[in-house]
N, C-alpha and C. Protein backbone atom coordinates (compact mmCIF):
# COMPACT_ATOMS: atom_id res chain seq x y z
N MET A 1 -27.65 -24.97 7.79
CA MET A 1 -27.76 -24.50 9.15
C MET A 1 -26.39 -24.53 9.81
N LYS A 2 -26.13 -23.56 10.65
CA LYS A 2 -24.87 -23.48 11.36
C LYS A 2 -25.14 -23.38 12.86
N ALA A 3 -24.23 -23.90 13.64
CA ALA A 3 -24.30 -23.79 15.09
C ALA A 3 -22.96 -23.25 15.58
N SER A 4 -22.99 -22.18 16.32
CA SER A 4 -21.74 -21.62 16.84
C SER A 4 -21.33 -22.35 18.11
N PHE A 5 -20.02 -22.38 18.35
CA PHE A 5 -19.51 -23.04 19.53
C PHE A 5 -18.33 -22.27 20.10
N THR A 6 -18.05 -22.52 21.36
CA THR A 6 -16.93 -21.92 22.06
C THR A 6 -15.99 -23.05 22.45
N TYR A 7 -14.68 -22.82 22.29
CA TYR A 7 -13.74 -23.87 22.65
C TYR A 7 -12.44 -23.28 23.18
N TRP A 8 -11.67 -24.13 23.86
CA TRP A 8 -10.37 -23.76 24.37
C TRP A 8 -9.52 -25.02 24.48
N LYS A 9 -8.23 -24.83 24.55
CA LYS A 9 -7.31 -25.95 24.69
C LYS A 9 -6.92 -26.07 26.16
N ASP A 10 -7.00 -27.29 26.67
CA ASP A 10 -6.64 -27.56 28.05
C ASP A 10 -5.67 -28.74 28.04
N GLY A 11 -4.40 -28.45 28.15
CA GLY A 11 -3.40 -29.52 28.06
C GLY A 11 -3.37 -30.07 26.65
N ASP A 12 -3.61 -31.37 26.52
CA ASP A 12 -3.60 -32.02 25.21
C ASP A 12 -4.97 -32.13 24.58
N HIS A 13 -6.01 -31.59 25.22
CA HIS A 13 -7.38 -31.74 24.72
C HIS A 13 -8.00 -30.39 24.38
N PHE A 14 -8.98 -30.44 23.50
CA PHE A 14 -9.80 -29.29 23.18
C PHE A 14 -11.15 -29.49 23.87
N ILE A 15 -11.58 -28.51 24.62
CA ILE A 15 -12.85 -28.54 25.35
C ILE A 15 -13.77 -27.53 24.68
N GLY A 16 -15.05 -27.85 24.59
CA GLY A 16 -15.96 -26.90 23.99
C GLY A 16 -17.41 -27.17 24.30
N PHE A 17 -18.24 -26.20 23.94
CA PHE A 17 -19.69 -26.34 24.09
C PHE A 17 -20.37 -25.58 22.96
N LEU A 18 -21.58 -25.99 22.66
CA LEU A 18 -22.41 -25.28 21.69
C LEU A 18 -22.96 -24.04 22.37
N ASP A 19 -22.88 -22.89 21.71
CA ASP A 19 -23.32 -21.66 22.34
C ASP A 19 -24.80 -21.69 22.71
N GLU A 20 -25.57 -22.45 21.97
CA GLU A 20 -27.00 -22.59 22.27
C GLU A 20 -27.24 -23.45 23.52
N TYR A 21 -26.28 -24.30 23.85
CA TYR A 21 -26.39 -25.23 24.98
C TYR A 21 -25.14 -25.15 25.85
N PRO A 22 -24.90 -24.04 26.55
CA PRO A 22 -23.65 -23.87 27.29
C PRO A 22 -23.49 -24.79 28.50
N ASP A 23 -24.56 -25.46 28.91
CA ASP A 23 -24.48 -26.35 30.07
C ASP A 23 -23.83 -27.70 29.73
N TYR A 24 -23.60 -27.97 28.46
CA TYR A 24 -23.13 -29.29 28.04
C TYR A 24 -21.79 -29.16 27.32
N GLU A 25 -20.72 -29.55 27.99
CA GLU A 25 -19.38 -29.49 27.41
C GLU A 25 -18.98 -30.87 26.89
N THR A 26 -18.08 -30.87 25.92
CA THR A 26 -17.50 -32.11 25.41
C THR A 26 -16.04 -31.82 25.10
N GLN A 27 -15.29 -32.86 24.76
CA GLN A 27 -13.87 -32.67 24.47
C GLN A 27 -13.43 -33.54 23.32
N GLY A 28 -12.28 -33.19 22.77
CA GLY A 28 -11.69 -33.95 21.68
C GLY A 28 -10.18 -33.88 21.74
N GLU A 29 -9.54 -34.81 21.06
CA GLU A 29 -8.08 -34.83 21.04
C GLU A 29 -7.52 -33.81 20.07
N SER A 30 -8.34 -33.33 19.14
CA SER A 30 -7.96 -32.30 18.18
C SER A 30 -9.19 -31.43 17.96
N LEU A 31 -9.02 -30.31 17.26
CA LEU A 31 -10.16 -29.44 16.99
C LEU A 31 -11.18 -30.16 16.11
N ASP A 32 -10.71 -30.93 15.13
CA ASP A 32 -11.63 -31.69 14.27
C ASP A 32 -12.38 -32.74 15.07
N ASP A 33 -11.70 -33.40 16.00
CA ASP A 33 -12.34 -34.40 16.85
C ASP A 33 -13.39 -33.74 17.73
N LEU A 34 -13.07 -32.57 18.28
CA LEU A 34 -14.03 -31.83 19.08
C LEU A 34 -15.26 -31.49 18.26
N LYS A 35 -15.07 -31.05 17.03
CA LYS A 35 -16.21 -30.71 16.17
C LYS A 35 -17.11 -31.92 15.94
N GLU A 36 -16.53 -33.09 15.77
CA GLU A 36 -17.34 -34.31 15.61
C GLU A 36 -18.17 -34.58 16.86
N HIS A 37 -17.55 -34.42 18.03
CA HIS A 37 -18.28 -34.62 19.28
C HIS A 37 -19.38 -33.58 19.46
N LEU A 38 -19.10 -32.35 19.04
CA LEU A 38 -20.12 -31.30 19.13
C LEU A 38 -21.29 -31.58 18.20
N LEU A 39 -21.03 -32.14 17.02
CA LEU A 39 -22.12 -32.51 16.12
C LEU A 39 -22.99 -33.59 16.74
N ASP A 40 -22.36 -34.60 17.34
CA ASP A 40 -23.11 -35.66 18.02
C ASP A 40 -23.94 -35.08 19.16
N LEU A 41 -23.31 -34.20 19.93
CA LEU A 41 -24.00 -33.57 21.05
C LEU A 41 -25.19 -32.75 20.57
N TYR A 42 -25.02 -32.01 19.49
CA TYR A 42 -26.11 -31.21 18.93
C TYR A 42 -27.30 -32.10 18.56
N GLN A 43 -27.01 -33.21 17.92
CA GLN A 43 -28.10 -34.12 17.54
C GLN A 43 -28.85 -34.62 18.76
N ASP A 44 -28.12 -35.01 19.80
CA ASP A 44 -28.77 -35.50 21.02
C ASP A 44 -29.59 -34.41 21.71
N LEU A 45 -29.04 -33.20 21.78
CA LEU A 45 -29.72 -32.13 22.51
C LEU A 45 -30.90 -31.56 21.73
N SER A 46 -30.81 -31.52 20.43
CA SER A 46 -31.88 -30.91 19.64
C SER A 46 -33.02 -31.86 19.32
N THR A 47 -32.86 -33.14 19.60
CA THR A 47 -33.92 -34.11 19.33
C THR A 47 -34.53 -34.66 20.62
N ASP A 48 -34.31 -33.98 21.73
CA ASP A 48 -34.88 -34.36 23.03
C ASP A 48 -34.44 -35.75 23.49
N THR A 49 -33.27 -36.21 23.03
CA THR A 49 -32.71 -37.47 23.52
C THR A 49 -32.27 -37.32 24.96
N VAL A 50 -31.79 -36.13 25.30
CA VAL A 50 -31.34 -35.82 26.66
C VAL A 50 -32.48 -35.09 27.37
N PRO A 51 -32.96 -35.62 28.51
CA PRO A 51 -34.08 -34.96 29.20
C PRO A 51 -33.62 -33.69 29.93
N GLY A 52 -34.52 -32.75 30.07
CA GLY A 52 -34.28 -31.55 30.86
C GLY A 52 -33.35 -30.53 30.24
N VAL A 53 -33.24 -30.52 28.93
CA VAL A 53 -32.35 -29.59 28.25
C VAL A 53 -32.94 -28.18 28.30
N ARG A 54 -32.12 -27.22 28.68
CA ARG A 54 -32.55 -25.82 28.69
C ARG A 54 -32.35 -25.25 27.29
N HIS A 55 -33.36 -24.60 26.78
CA HIS A 55 -33.30 -24.01 25.44
C HIS A 55 -33.27 -22.49 25.56
N ARG A 56 -32.66 -21.85 24.57
CA ARG A 56 -32.63 -20.40 24.50
C ARG A 56 -33.59 -19.93 23.44
N GLY A 57 -34.16 -18.77 23.63
CA GLY A 57 -35.06 -18.20 22.66
C GLY A 57 -34.99 -16.68 22.72
N GLU A 58 -35.71 -16.04 21.83
CA GLU A 58 -35.76 -14.59 21.80
C GLU A 58 -37.21 -14.15 21.73
N LEU A 59 -37.49 -13.05 22.38
CA LEU A 59 -38.81 -12.43 22.35
C LEU A 59 -38.71 -11.10 21.66
N GLN A 60 -39.72 -10.76 20.90
CA GLN A 60 -39.80 -9.43 20.30
C GLN A 60 -40.55 -8.54 21.27
N VAL A 61 -39.89 -7.50 21.76
CA VAL A 61 -40.53 -6.58 22.69
C VAL A 61 -40.59 -5.20 22.04
N SER A 62 -41.55 -4.42 22.44
CA SER A 62 -41.77 -3.10 21.82
C SER A 62 -40.66 -2.15 22.14
């Protein structure tokens, strides 16, 4: 399974969010560090550890 993410560099830090959960940003000192934080965040958000998480879905329409 893969999860896409968006990131940018702000000063000395990398900031990013999971595309499925754009309301939740995290940061890291390097891109690899950011990826580790994003993995932790994904686990928390996808297992309902964090209350009130907004989820995205798709509908099949005619």
